Amino acid sequence: MQKFRAKYELPFTLLSDLDHAVATLYGAWGEKIRDGKTYMGINRSHFLIDETGRLLDVQIRVTPSESVQRALDACCPA
């Protein structure tokens, strides 16, 4: 995660959610279907949370290429 943060020069902390507890609470962990098979997985999402715990931006089912720019636009407008 630190390499990802450094690669994109992100000015904020990233969250790691190994047991899916936060993803479940935020609605980003759930049933998915691919090639006719059903399984549990993450719906690629990002949540931008300020230092007081307020949600500044929520993007569910965002593409990897869009996620970084959307997060930067929400937290650090030009």
Foldseek 3Di string as FASTA:
>chain_A
DVVVCVVLVPPDDDDDDVPCPVCVVVVQWAWDADPRDIDIDGFDKDWDADPVRDTQDIDGNDDPVVVVVVNCCRPPND
